[in-house]
Amino acid sequence: MSSNLVGMAPDDGTPHDEVDRIVAAWQRERPDLDVRPLEVLSRVSRLARHLDLARRGAFERHDLETWEFDVLSALRRAGAPYRLSPGALLTLTLVTSGTMTNRIDRLADKGLVERQPSPDDRRGVLVQLTPSGLARVDAAFADLLDTERTLLGDLAEPDRTQLAALLREALLPFDSPHTP
């Protein structure tokens, strides 16, 4: 960390963001602490907030809420015929069974999914995208990708690749099947 971070971000001609100012203030106030983790994780947190707002906007343009897109996109990624068991949807969306039942009910009421009997289990049911649900999730996903490209702005492709690799490395311990 540069020692010239005293009151505000250093004036060395490079652009500075709000995190630079936060780090500088903490460094000034608590020089006994290593505040460098803020340089990475505060930026990730701020970017996540901007991403969440942008994603919500993309989904709203297709009359979807974030949770609706999550369920519909899980079904879409399953491949044709775009159906999964409620249990598989639970695993993919990390919600409780009661929440998933409510979500399936609401999506079915909107005509975006339908319940079908499972061919493998007489008591089981599968959730399947309707043609309307398929069209809606495909359009929302295309809009989402355009939105996310805009968020990445002028970040060059090699930098995007490097950033993706670094973020993957940071996330692996959390996504490991052995993580408590």
Protein backbone atom coordinates (compact mmCIF):
# COMPACT_ATOMS: atom_id res chain seq x y z
CA MET A 1 0.00 0.00 0.00
CA SER A 2 1.36 3.37 -0.92
CA SER A 3 2.45 5.52 2.02
CA ASN A 4 1.11 8.65 0.32
CA LEU A 5 -2.48 7.61 1.12
CA VAL A 6 -3.09 10.01 3.97
CA GLY A 7 -6.39 11.85 3.72
CA MET A 8 -7.70 11.09 0.29
CA ALA A 9 -6.69 8.83 -2.54
CA PRO A 10 -3.25 9.65 -3.96
CA ASP A 11 -3.05 12.14 -6.79
CA ASP A 12 -0.72 10.25 -9.12
CA GLY A 13 -2.72 10.81 -12.28
CA THR A 14 -4.52 7.45 -12.21
CA PRO A 15 -8.29 7.32 -11.74
CA HIS A 16 -9.51 6.65 -8.22
CA ASP A 17 -12.79 5.30 -6.99
CA GLU A 18 -14.75 5.48 -3.77
CA VAL A 19 -12.87 2.46 -2.41
CA ASP A 20 -9.59 4.35 -2.76
CA ARG A 21 -11.05 7.12 -0.60
CA ILE A 22 -12.40 4.64 1.97
CA VAL A 23 -9.08 2.81 2.16
CA ALA A 24 -7.17 6.08 2.52
CA ALA A 25 -9.46 7.23 5.33
CA TRP A 26 -9.14 3.93 7.20
CA GLN A 27 -5.39 3.92 6.70
CA ARG A 28 -5.25 7.43 8.14
CA GLU A 29 -7.51 6.52 11.06
CA ARG A 30 -6.11 3.06 11.77
CA PRO A 31 -2.51 2.94 10.51
CA ASP A 32 -1.98 -0.05 12.82
CA LEU A 33 -4.23 -2.24 10.62
CA ASP A 34 -3.58 -3.71 7.19
CA VAL A 35 -6.61 -2.47 5.25
CA ARG A 36 -5.55 -3.96 1.90
CA PRO A 37 -8.37 -6.58 1.90
CA LEU A 38 -10.77 -3.65 1.46
CA GLU A 39 -9.12 -2.84 -1.87
CA VAL A 40 -10.40 -6.12 -3.29
CA LEU A 41 -13.48 -7.09 -1.32
CA SER A 42 -15.04 -3.63 -1.05
CA ARG A 43 -14.78 -3.36 -4.82
CA VAL A 44 -16.36 -6.79 -5.23
CA SER A 45 -19.15 -5.76 -2.86
CA ARG A 46 -19.79 -2.45 -4.63
CA LEU A 47 -19.70 -4.13 -8.02
CA ALA A 48 -22.17 -6.76 -6.76
CA ARG A 49 -24.59 -3.99 -5.78
CA HIS A 50 -24.30 -2.36 -9.20
CA LEU A 51 -24.69 -5.75 -10.87
CA ASP A 52 -27.77 -6.57 -8.80
CA LEU A 53 -29.45 -3.29 -9.81
CA ALA A 54 -28.54 -3.76 -13.48
CA ARG A 55 -29.78 -7.36 -13.46
CA ARG A 56 -33.04 -6.38 -11.84
CA GLY A 57 -33.54 -3.78 -14.57
CA ALA A 58 -32.87 -6.35 -17.30
CA PHE A 59 -35.35 -8.77 -15.76
CA GLU A 60 -37.99 -6.09 -15.18
CA ARG A 61 -37.89 -5.24 -18.88
CA HIS A 62 -39.20 -8.78 -19.41
CA ASP A 63 -41.71 -8.67 -16.56
CA LEU A 64 -39.59 -10.97 -14.40
CA GLU A 65 -38.29 -10.77 -10.87
CA THR A 66 -34.80 -12.00 -10.07
CA TRP A 67 -36.09 -15.15 -8.37
CA GLU A 68 -38.30 -15.90 -11.37
CA PHE A 69 -35.34 -15.64 -13.70
CA ASP A 70 -33.34 -17.92 -11.38
CA VAL A 71 -35.94 -20.69 -11.60
CA LEU A 72 -36.64 -20.25 -15.31
CA SER A 73 -32.95 -20.14 -16.19
CA ALA A 74 -32.28 -23.30 -14.15
CA LEU A 75 -34.94 -25.05 -16.22
CA ARG A 76 -33.55 -23.58 -19.46
CA ARG A 77 -29.99 -24.70 -18.67
CA ALA A 78 -31.29 -28.24 -18.10
CA GLY A 79 -31.76 -28.52 -21.86
CA ALA A 80 -34.75 -29.80 -23.78
CA PRO A 81 -37.41 -30.62 -22.67
CA TYR A 82 -36.50 -27.95 -20.04
CA ARG A 83 -37.77 -29.72 -16.97
CA LEU A 84 -36.46 -30.62 -13.55
CA SER A 85 -37.77 -32.01 -10.32
CA PRO A 86 -38.60 -29.54 -7.56
CA GLY A 87 -35.71 -31.10 -5.60
CA ALA A 88 -33.25 -30.34 -8.38
CA LEU A 89 -34.57 -26.77 -8.52
CA LEU A 90 -34.01 -26.48 -4.75
CA THR A 91 -30.39 -27.49 -5.17
CA LEU A 92 -29.80 -25.12 -8.07
CA THR A 93 -31.49 -22.08 -6.52
CA LEU A 94 -30.58 -22.62 -2.85
CA VAL A 95 -34.05 -22.07 -1.39
CA THR A 96 -36.23 -24.11 0.96
CA SER A 97 -38.85 -26.55 -0.27
CA GLY A 98 -41.67 -24.29 0.94
CA THR A 99 -40.19 -21.35 -0.93
CA MET A 100 -39.76 -23.43 -4.07
CA THR A 101 -43.35 -24.68 -3.93
CA ASN A 102 -44.54 -21.08 -3.69
CA ARG A 103 -42.30 -20.03 -6.57
CA ILE A 104 -43.48 -22.86 -8.80
CA ASP A 105 -47.10 -22.00 -7.99
CA ARG A 106 -46.55 -18.34 -8.89
CA LEU A 107 -44.71 -19.16 -12.12
CA ALA A 108 -47.44 -21.64 -13.08
CA ASP A 109 -50.10 -18.97 -12.42
CA LYS A 110 -48.23 -16.71 -14.87
CA GLY A 111 -48.15 -19.51 -17.46
CA LEU A 112 -44.35 -19.74 -17.46
CA VAL A 113 -44.04 -23.29 -16.09
CA GLU A 114 -46.27 -26.30 -15.70
CA ARG A 115 -46.19 -29.32 -13.47
CA GLN A 116 -46.10 -32.70 -15.14
CA PRO A 117 -46.16 -36.21 -13.69
CA SER A 118 -42.72 -37.78 -13.45
CA PRO A 119 -42.33 -40.71 -15.86
CA ASP A 120 -40.01 -42.38 -13.32
CA ASP A 121 -42.08 -41.95 -10.16
CA ARG A 122 -45.88 -42.09 -10.02
CA ARG A 123 -45.90 -39.78 -7.01
CA GLY A 124 -43.28 -37.41 -8.40
CA VAL A 125 -43.73 -34.30 -10.46
CA LEU A 126 -41.51 -32.40 -12.81
CA VAL A 127 -41.54 -28.68 -13.49
CA GLN A 128 -41.27 -27.76 -17.16
CA LEU A 129 -40.95 -24.48 -19.01
CA THR A 130 -43.93 -23.59 -21.14
CA PRO A 131 -43.30 -22.11 -24.59
CA SER A 132 -44.06 -18.71 -23.04
CA GLY A 133 -41.59 -19.35 -20.23
CA LEU A 134 -38.93 -20.43 -22.71
CA ALA A 135 -39.41 -17.31 -24.83
CA ARG A 136 -39.37 -15.07 -21.75
CA VAL A 137 -36.21 -16.53 -20.20
CA ASP A 138 -34.38 -16.50 -23.55
CA ALA A 139 -35.22 -12.83 -24.13
CA ALA A 140 -34.31 -11.87 -20.56
CA PHE A 141 -31.02 -13.76 -20.79
CA ALA A 142 -30.04 -11.99 -24.03
CA ASP A 143 -30.88 -8.64 -22.40
CA LEU A 144 -28.90 -9.63 -19.30
CA LEU A 145 -25.81 -10.37 -21.38
CA ASP A 146 -26.05 -6.99 -23.11
CA THR A 147 -26.42 -5.32 -19.71
CA GLU A 148 -23.43 -7.16 -18.28
CA ARG A 149 -21.28 -6.32 -21.34
CA THR A 150 -22.11 -2.68 -20.70
CA LEU A 151 -21.11 -3.03 -17.04
CA LEU A 152 -17.74 -4.39 -18.07
CA GLY A 153 -17.34 -1.28 -20.20
CA ASP A 154 -13.96 -0.78 -21.73
CA LEU A 155 -12.25 -3.60 -19.86
CA ALA A 156 -10.12 -5.31 -22.50
CA GLU A 157 -10.72 -8.99 -23.21
CA PRO A 158 -7.37 -10.13 -21.74
CA ASP A 159 -8.19 -8.18 -18.56
CA ARG A 160 -11.67 -9.78 -18.43
CA THR A 161 -10.07 -13.21 -18.76
CA GLN A 162 -7.57 -12.44 -16.02
CA LEU A 163 -10.24 -11.01 -13.73
CA ALA A 164 -12.46 -14.06 -14.28
CA ALA A 165 -9.55 -16.37 -13.41
CA LEU A 166 -8.73 -14.42 -10.25
CA LEU A 167 -12.35 -14.35 -9.13
CA ARG A 168 -12.66 -18.08 -9.81
CA GLU A 169 -9.63 -18.69 -7.61
CA ALA A 170 -11.14 -16.58 -4.84
CA LEU A 171 -14.50 -18.39 -5.08
CA LEU A 172 -13.26 -21.98 -5.29
CA PRO A 173 -13.00 -22.47 -1.53
CA PHE A 174 -16.63 -21.42 -1.16
CA ASP A 175 -17.91 -23.55 -4.04
CA SER A 176 -16.01 -26.66 -2.98
CA PRO A 177 -18.27 -29.61 -2.11
CA HIS A 178 -16.31 -29.91 1.15
CA THR A 179 -17.03 -26.37 2.31
CA PRO A 180 -18.97 -26.45 5.60
